[in-house]
Amino acid sequence: MTNQHHGIFALVCFISSILVWIPNIVFKVATPLVLLIFIIPVIGLVFAILGKKIWLIVGNVVMFFSFFILMAVGYIINS
């Protein structure tokens, strides 16, 4: 595999981890799919490191911690 393929796979993982949040944030429907947020970005992070794509590394790390970020924002808004 080339670095370009690794970058594409990392981008797919990044976009799919964003799509996992849509039912929870937009439609306000709690789905167990949000638990994939702990698996998909890790796979994307590995591919981003192999592809040496800094912006995909940062994006996948942010998506991995997005659950905790959104929980903190929710607590701040509700307090």
PDB file of N, CA and C in Angstrom:
ATOM      1  N   MET A   1       0.838  -1.184   0.000  1.00  0.00           N
ATOM      2  CA  MET A   1       0.000   0.000   0.000  1.00  0.00           C
ATOM      3  C   MET A   1       0.880   1.245   0.000  1.00  0.00           C
ATOM      4  N   THR A   2       0.408   2.245  -0.671  1.00  0.00           N
ATOM      5  CA  THR A   2       1.150   3.490  -0.708  1.00  0.00           C
ATOM      6  C   THR A   2       0.627   4.449   0.359  1.00  0.00           C
ATOM      7  N   ASN A   3       1.345   5.544   0.548  1.00  0.00           N
ATOM      8  CA  ASN A   3       0.919   6.553   1.518  1.00  0.00           C
ATOM      9  C   ASN A   3      -0.420   7.157   1.131  1.00  0.00           C
ATOM     10  N   GLN A   4      -0.692   7.232  -0.173  1.00  0.00           N
ATOM     11  CA  GLN A   4      -1.966   7.789  -0.625  1.00  0.00           C
ATOM     12  C   GLN A   4      -3.131   6.903  -0.186  1.00  0.00           C
ATOM     13  N   HIS A   5      -2.946   5.589  -0.282  1.00  0.00           N
ATOM     14  CA  HIS A   5      -4.001   4.672   0.162  1.00  0.00           C
ATOM     15  C   HIS A   5      -4.226   4.774   1.664  1.00  0.00           C
ATOM     16  N   HIS A   6      -3.157   4.905   2.413  1.00  0.00           N
ATOM     17  CA  HIS A   6      -3.288   5.055   3.864  1.00  0.00           C
ATOM     18  C   HIS A   6      -4.047   6.335   4.198  1.00  0.00           C
ATOM     19  N   GLY A   7      -3.753   7.409   3.470  1.00  0.00           N
ATOM     20  CA  GLY A   7      -4.449   8.672   3.697  1.00  0.00           C
ATOM     21  C   GLY A   7      -5.930   8.572   3.377  1.00  0.00           C
ATOM     22  N   ILE A   8      -6.262   7.846   2.318  1.00  0.00           N
ATOM     23  CA  ILE A   8      -7.672   7.680   1.949  1.00  0.00           C
ATOM     24  C   ILE A   8      -8.407   6.878   3.012  1.00  0.00           C
ATOM     25  N   PHE A   9      -7.791   5.797   3.495  1.00  0.00           N
ATOM     26  CA  PHE A   9      -8.425   5.001   4.549  1.00  0.00           C
ATOM     27  C   PHE A   9      -8.585   5.806   5.836  1.00  0.00           C
ATOM     28  N   ALA A  10      -7.605   6.630   6.153  1.00  0.00           N
ATOM     29  CA  ALA A  10      -7.698   7.478   7.348  1.00  0.00           C
ATOM     30  C   ALA A  10      -8.810   8.501   7.187  1.00  0.00           C
ATOM     31  N   LEU A  11      -8.958   9.056   5.979  1.00  0.00           N
ATOM     32  CA  LEU A  11     -10.035  10.015   5.714  1.00  0.00           C
ATOM     33  C   LEU A  11     -11.398   9.353   5.816  1.00  0.00           C
ATOM     34  N   VAL A  12     -11.520   8.134   5.316  1.00  0.00           N
ATOM     35  CA  VAL A  12     -12.785   7.393   5.414  1.00  0.00           C
ATOM     36  C   VAL A  12     -13.131   7.140   6.878  1.00  0.00           C
ATOM     37  N   CYS A  13     -12.150   6.782   7.678  1.00  0.00           N
ATOM     38  CA  CYS A  13     -12.397   6.561   9.108  1.00  0.00           C
ATOM     39  C   CYS A  13     -12.804   7.863   9.792  1.00  0.00           C
ATOM     40  N   PHE A  14     -12.168   8.974   9.421  1.00  0.00           N
ATOM     41  CA  PHE A  14     -12.511  10.266  10.006  1.00  0.00           C
ATOM     42  C   PHE A  14     -13.942  10.664   9.659  1.00  0.00           C
ATOM     43  N   ILE A  15     -14.313  10.529   8.400  1.00  0.00           N
ATOM     44  CA  ILE A  15     -15.674  10.893   7.969  1.00  0.00           C
ATOM     45  C   ILE A  15     -16.711   9.963   8.592  1.00  0.00           C
ATOM     46  N   SER A  16     -16.409   8.671   8.662  1.00  0.00           N
ATOM     47  CA  SER A  16     -17.379   7.750   9.264  1.00  0.00           C
ATOM     48  C   SER A  16     -17.543   7.997  10.756  1.00  0.00           C
ATOM     49  N   SER A  17     -16.481   8.436  11.430  1.00  0.00           N
ATOM     50  CA  SER A  17     -16.627   8.749  12.853  1.00  0.00           C
ATOM     51  C   SER A  17     -17.444  10.021  13.055  1.00  0.00           C
ATOM     52  N   ILE A  18     -17.405  10.934  12.103  1.00  0.00           N
ATOM     53  CA  ILE A  18     -18.293  12.099  12.160  1.00  0.00           C
ATOM     54  C   ILE A  18     -19.740  11.668  11.925  1.00  0.00           C
ATOM     55  N   LEU A  19     -19.945  10.766  10.983  1.00  0.00           N
ATOM     56  CA  LEU A  19     -21.297  10.299  10.663  1.00  0.00           C
ATOM     57  C   LEU A  19     -21.934   9.519  11.806  1.00  0.00           C
ATOM     58  N   VAL A  20     -21.113   8.913  12.661  1.00  0.00           N
ATOM     59  CA  VAL A  20     -21.648   8.183  13.813  1.00  0.00           C
ATOM     60  C   VAL A  20     -22.374   9.129  14.764  1.00  0.00           C
ATOM     61  N   TRP A  21     -21.939  10.383  14.855  1.00  0.00           N
ATOM     62  CA  TRP A  21     -22.526  11.352  15.777  1.00  0.00           C
ATOM     63  C   TRP A  21     -23.839  11.948  15.268  1.00  0.00           C
ATOM     64  N   ILE A  22     -24.153  11.835  13.992  1.00  0.00           N
ATOM     65  CA  ILE A  22     -25.331  12.507  13.429  1.00  0.00           C
ATOM     66  C   ILE A  22     -26.635  12.112  14.118  1.00  0.00           C
ATOM     67  N   PRO A  23     -26.927  10.824  14.344  1.00  0.00           N
ATOM     68  CA  PRO A  23     -28.192  10.509  15.029  1.00  0.00           C
ATOM     69  C   PRO A  23     -28.286  11.105  16.430  1.00  0.00           C
ATOM     70  N   ASN A  24     -27.183  11.164  17.140  1.00  0.00           N
ATOM     71  CA  ASN A  24     -27.201  11.672  18.513  1.00  0.00           C
ATOM     72  C   ASN A  24     -27.342  13.182  18.564  1.00  0.00           C
ATOM     73  N   ILE A  25     -26.641  13.895  17.721  1.00  0.00           N
ATOM     74  CA  ILE A  25     -26.624  15.349  17.802  1.00  0.00           C
ATOM     75  C   ILE A  25     -27.773  15.970  17.024  1.00  0.00           C
ATOM     76  N   VAL A  26     -27.977  15.530  15.800  1.00  0.00           N
ATOM     77  CA  VAL A  26     -28.982  16.165  14.938  1.00  0.00           C
ATOM     78  C   VAL A  26     -30.386  15.689  15.282  1.00  0.00           C
ATOM     79  N   PHE A  27     -30.574  14.371  15.358  1.00  0.00           N
ATOM     80  CA  PHE A  27     -31.914  13.825  15.554  1.00  0.00           C
ATOM     81  C   PHE A  27     -32.256  13.573  17.016  1.00  0.00           C
ATOM     82  N   LYS A  28     -31.307  13.770  17.920  1.00  0.00           N
ATOM     83  CA  LYS A  28     -31.509  13.575  19.361  1.00  0.00           C
ATOM     84  C   LYS A  28     -31.997  12.157  19.688  1.00  0.00           C
ATOM     85  N   VAL A  29     -31.453  11.185  18.972  1.00  0.00           N
ATOM     86  CA  VAL A  29     -31.784   9.785  19.187  1.00  0.00           C
ATOM     87  C   VAL A  29     -30.528   9.087  19.689  1.00  0.00           C
ATOM     88  N   ALA A  30     -30.587   8.551  20.882  1.00  0.00           N
ATOM     89  CA  ALA A  30     -29.430   7.859  21.443  1.00  0.00           C
ATOM     90  C   ALA A  30     -29.323   6.473  20.815  1.00  0.00           C
ATOM     91  N   THR A  31     -28.233   6.237  20.132  1.00  0.00           N
ATOM     92  CA  THR A  31     -27.995   4.941  19.509  1.00  0.00           C
ATOM     93  C   THR A  31     -26.706   4.344  20.056  1.00  0.00           C
ATOM     94  N   PRO A  32     -26.638   3.037  20.091  1.00  0.00           N
ATOM     95  CA  PRO A  32     -25.389   2.413  20.551  1.00  0.00           C
ATOM     96  C   PRO A  32     -24.256   2.541  19.531  1.00  0.00           C
ATOM     97  N   LEU A  33     -24.551   3.066  18.361  1.00  0.00           N
ATOM     98  CA  LEU A  33     -23.512   3.260  17.354  1.00  0.00           C
ATOM     99  C   LEU A  33     -22.434   4.227  17.811  1.00  0.00           C
ATOM    100  N   VAL A  34     -22.762   5.074  18.773  1.00  0.00           N
ATOM    101  CA  VAL A  34     -21.779   6.038  19.254  1.00  0.00           C
ATOM    102  C   VAL A  34     -20.595   5.335  19.905  1.00  0.00           C
ATOM    103  N   LEU A  35     -20.746   4.100  20.308  1.00  0.00           N
ATOM    104  CA  LEU A  35     -19.627   3.353  20.884  1.00  0.00           C
ATOM    105  C   LEU A  35     -18.561   3.036  19.836  1.00  0.00           C
ATOM    106  N   LEU A  36     -18.930   3.114  18.563  1.00  0.00           N
ATOM    107  CA  LEU A  36     -17.931   2.924  17.509  1.00  0.00           C
ATOM    108  C   LEU A  36     -16.923   4.056  17.475  1.00  0.00           C
ATOM    109  N   ILE A  37     -17.217   5.152  18.175  1.00  0.00           N
ATOM    110  CA  ILE A  37     -16.318   6.295  18.207  1.00  0.00           C
ATOM    111  C   ILE A  37     -15.009   5.937  18.924  1.00  0.00           C
ATOM    112  N   PHE A  38     -14.991   4.838  19.652  1.00  0.00           N
ATOM    113  CA  PHE A  38     -13.771   4.399  20.313  1.00  0.00           C
ATOM    114  C   PHE A  38     -12.970   3.408  19.462  1.00  0.00           C
ATOM    115  N   ILE A  39     -13.529   2.960  18.343  1.00  0.00           N
ATOM    116  CA  ILE A  39     -12.847   1.986  17.493  1.00  0.00           C
ATOM    117  C   ILE A  39     -12.416   2.607  16.163  1.00  0.00           C
ATOM    118  N   ILE A  40     -13.329   3.282  15.490  1.00  0.00           N
ATOM    119  CA  ILE A  40     -13.060   3.812  14.151  1.00  0.00           C
ATOM    120  C   ILE A  40     -11.922   4.828  14.135  1.00  0.00           C
ATOM    121  N   PRO A  41     -11.894   5.821  15.025  1.00  0.00           N
ATOM    122  CA  PRO A  41     -10.778   6.774  14.965  1.00  0.00           C
ATOM    123  C   PRO A  41      -9.415   6.167  15.280  1.00  0.00           C
ATOM    124  N   VAL A  42      -9.383   5.103  16.070  1.00  0.00           N
ATOM    125  CA  VAL A  42      -8.102   4.453  16.357  1.00  0.00           C
ATOM    126  C   VAL A  42      -7.554   3.809  15.083  1.00  0.00           C
ATOM    127  N   ILE A  43      -8.433   3.176  14.328  1.00  0.00           N
ATOM    128  CA  ILE A  43      -8.024   2.593  13.049  1.00  0.00           C
ATOM    129  C   ILE A  43      -7.581   3.703  12.101  1.00  0.00           C
ATOM    130  N   GLY A  44      -8.346   4.800  12.071  1.00  0.00           N
ATOM    131  CA  GLY A  44      -7.974   5.935  11.239  1.00  0.00           C
ATOM    132  C   GLY A  44      -6.666   6.563  11.668  1.00  0.00           C
ATOM    133  N   LEU A  45      -6.412   6.582  12.957  1.00  0.00           N
ATOM    134  CA  LEU A  45      -5.151   7.128  13.471  1.00  0.00           C
ATOM    135  C   LEU A  45      -3.961   6.301  13.002  1.00  0.00           C
ATOM    136  N   VAL A  46      -4.110   4.993  13.018  1.00  0.00           N
ATOM    137  CA  VAL A  46      -3.035   4.119  12.552  1.00  0.00           C
ATOM    138  C   VAL A  46      -2.756   4.378  11.074  1.00  0.00           C
ATOM    139  N   PHE A  47      -3.814   4.453  10.265  1.00  0.00           N
ATOM    140  CA  PHE A  47      -3.621   4.716   8.842  1.00  0.00           C
ATOM    141  C   PHE A  47      -3.049   6.113   8.599  1.00  0.00           C
ATOM    142  N   ALA A  48      -3.460   7.081   9.392  1.00  0.00           N
ATOM    143  CA  ALA A  48      -2.940   8.443   9.227  1.00  0.00           C
ATOM    144  C   ALA A  48      -1.461   8.504   9.593  1.00  0.00           C
ATOM    145  N   ILE A  49      -1.057   7.776  10.598  1.00  0.00           N
ATOM    146  CA  ILE A  49       0.362   7.732  10.965  1.00  0.00           C
ATOM    147  C   ILE A  49       1.168   7.043   9.866  1.00  0.00           C
ATOM    148  N   LEU A  50       0.630   5.953   9.325  1.00  0.00           N
ATOM    149  CA  LEU A  50       1.325   5.266   8.239  1.00  0.00           C
ATOM    150  C   LEU A  50       1.402   6.134   6.986  1.00  0.00           C
ATOM    151  N   GLY A  51       0.353   6.942   6.751  1.00  0.00           N
ATOM    152  CA  GLY A  51       0.337   7.816   5.593  1.00  0.00           C
ATOM    153  C   GLY A  51       1.029   9.143   5.813  1.00  0.00           C
ATOM    154  N   LYS A  52       1.433   9.412   7.054  1.00  0.00           N
ATOM    155  CA  LYS A  52       2.128  10.647   7.434  1.00  0.00           C
ATOM    156  C   LYS A  52       1.302  11.892   7.089  1.00  0.00           C
ATOM    157  N   LYS A  53       0.010  11.828   7.418  1.00  0.00           N
ATOM    158  CA  LYS A  53      -0.908  12.948   7.203  1.00  0.00           C
ATOM    159  C   LYS A  53      -1.226  13.580   8.551  1.00  0.00           C
ATOM    160  N   ILE A  54      -0.603  14.727   8.825  1.00  0.00           N
ATOM    161  CA  ILE A  54      -0.721  15.375  10.129  1.00  0.00           C
ATOM    162  C   ILE A  54      -2.163  15.777  10.421  1.00  0.00           C
ATOM    163  N   TRP A  55      -2.851  16.362   9.453  1.00  0.00           N
ATOM    164  CA  TRP A  55      -4.221  16.827   9.703  1.00  0.00           C
ATOM    165  C   TRP A  55      -5.164  15.666   9.958  1.00  0.00           C
ATOM    166  N   LEU A  56      -4.912  14.502   9.373  1.00  0.00           N
ATOM    167  CA  LEU A  56      -5.745  13.337   9.663  1.00  0.00           C
ATOM    168  C   LEU A  56      -5.405  12.734  11.023  1.00  0.00           C
ATOM    169  N   ILE A  57      -4.150  12.837  11.423  1.00  0.00           N
ATOM    170  CA  ILE A  57      -3.781  12.389  12.768  1.00  0.00           C
ATOM    171  C   ILE A  57      -4.520  13.221  13.811  1.00  0.00           C
ATOM    172  N   VAL A  58      -4.475  14.543  13.638  1.00  0.00           N
ATOM    173  CA  VAL A  58      -5.156  15.442  14.579  1.00  0.00           C
ATOM    174  C   VAL A  58      -6.670  15.211  14.541  1.00  0.00           C
ATOM    175  N   GLY A  59      -7.232  15.078  13.353  1.00  0.00           N
ATOM    176  CA  GLY A  59      -8.677  14.866  13.233  1.00  0.00           C
ATOM    177  C   GLY A  59      -9.145  13.589  13.885  1.00  0.00           C
ATOM    178  N   ASN A  60      -8.417  12.513  13.693  1.00  0.00           N
ATOM    179  CA  ASN A  60      -8.816  11.243  14.299  1.00  0.00           C
ATOM    180  C   ASN A  60      -8.617  11.245  15.811  1.00  0.00           C
ATOM    181  N   VAL A  61      -7.601  11.937  16.302  1.00  0.00           N
ATOM    182  CA  VAL A  61      -7.428  12.047  17.752  1.00  0.00           C
ATOM    183  C   VAL A  61      -8.566  12.860  18.354  1.00  0.00           C
ATOM    184  N   VAL A  62      -8.945  13.954  17.703  1.00  0.00           N
ATOM    185  CA  VAL A  62     -10.067  14.770  18.190  1.00  0.00           C
ATOM    186  C   VAL A  62     -11.357  13.954  18.171  1.00  0.00           C
ATOM    187  N   MET A  63     -11.568  13.173  17.124  1.00  0.00           N
ATOM    188  CA  MET A  63     -12.779  12.358  17.066  1.00  0.00           C
ATOM    189  C   MET A  63     -12.760  11.260  18.126  1.00  0.00           C
ATOM    190  N   PHE A  64     -11.585  10.754  18.480  1.00  0.00           N
ATOM    191  CA  PHE A  64     -11.516   9.764  19.540  1.00  0.00           C
ATOM    192  C   PHE A  64     -11.946  10.368  20.873  1.00  0.00           C
ATOM    193  N   PHE A  65     -11.535  11.606  21.131  1.00  0.00           N
ATOM    194  CA  PHE A  65     -11.888  12.271  22.378  1.00  0.00           C
ATOM    195  C   PHE A  65     -13.187  13.063  22.280  1.00  0.00           C
ATOM    196  N   SER A  66     -13.891  12.980  21.155  1.00  0.00           N
ATOM    197  CA  SER A  66     -15.101  13.780  20.976  1.00  0.00           C
ATOM    198  C   SER A  66     -16.196  13.413  21.967  1.00  0.00           C
ATOM    199  N   PHE A  67     -16.269  12.169  22.380  1.00  0.00           N
ATOM    200  CA  PHE A  67     -17.266  11.767  23.364  1.00  0.00           C
ATOM    201  C   PHE A  67     -17.069  12.538  24.660  1.00  0.00           C
ATOM    202  N   PHE A  68     -15.822  12.607  25.111  1.00  0.00           N
ATOM    203  CA  PHE A  68     -15.520  13.307  26.356  1.00  0.00           C
ATOM    204  C   PHE A  68     -15.664  14.826  26.185  1.00  0.00           C
ATOM    205  N   ILE A  69     -15.311  15.335  25.017  1.00  0.00           N
ATOM    206  CA  ILE A  69     -15.458  16.767  24.747  1.00  0.00           C
ATOM    207  C   ILE A  69     -16.924  17.158  24.768  1.00  0.00           C
ATOM    208  N   LEU A  70     -17.764  16.374  24.095  1.00  0.00           N
ATOM    209  CA  LEU A  70     -19.199  16.692  24.069  1.00  0.00           C
ATOM    210  C   LEU A  70     -19.848  16.503  25.437  1.00  0.00           C
ATOM    211  N   MET A  71     -19.368  15.546  26.218  1.00  0.00           N
ATOM    212  CA  MET A  71     -19.891  15.402  27.582  1.00  0.00           C
ATOM    213  C   MET A  71     -19.546  16.626  28.420  1.00  0.00           C
ATOM    214  N   ALA A  72     -18.330  17.122  28.299  1.00  0.00           N
ATOM    215  CA  ALA A  72     -17.910  18.304  29.059  1.00  0.00           C
ATOM    216  C   ALA A  72     -18.712  19.526  28.629  1.00  0.00           C
ATOM    217  N   VAL A  73     -18.913  19.687  27.336  1.00  0.00           N
ATOM    218  CA  VAL A  73     -19.710  20.818  26.835  1.00  0.00           C
ATOM    219  C   VAL A  73     -21.141  20.715  27.332  1.00  0.00           C
ATOM    220  N   GLY A  74     -21.699  19.510  27.341  1.00  0.00           N
ATOM    221  CA  GLY A  74     -23.055  19.323  27.848  1.00  0.00           C
ATOM    222  C   GLY A  74     -23.185  19.652  29.320  1.00  0.00           C
ATOM    223  N   TYR A  75     -22.209  19.260  30.111  1.00  0.00           N
ATOM    224  CA  TYR A  75     -22.231  19.595  31.528  1.00  0.00           C
ATOM    225  C   TYR A  75     -22.102  21.082  31.754  1.00  0.00           C
ATOM    226  N   ILE A  76     -21.266  21.746  30.960  1.00  0.00           N
ATOM    227  CA  ILE A  76     -21.106  23.210  31.105  1.00  0.00           C
ATOM    228  C   ILE A  76     -22.390  23.927  30.728  1.00  0.00           C
ATOM    229  N   ILE A  77     -23.031  23.482  29.655  1.00  0.00           N
ATOM    230  CA  ILE A  77     -24.282  24.134  29.217  1.00  0.00           C
ATOM    231  C   ILE A  77     -25.383  23.916  30.237  1.00  0.00           C
ATOM    232  N   ASN A  78     -25.491  22.732  30.822  1.00  0.00           N
ATOM    233  CA  ASN A  78     -26.572  22.416  31.755  1.00  0.00           C
ATOM    234  C   ASN A  78     -26.320  22.939  33.163  1.00  0.00           C
ATOM    235  N   SER A  79     -25.132  23.400  33.466  1.00  0.00           N
ATOM    236  CA  SER A  79     -24.879  23.874  34.823  1.00  0.00           C
ATOM    237  C   SER A  79     -25.131  25.363  34.989  1.00  0.00           C
TER     238      SER A  79
END
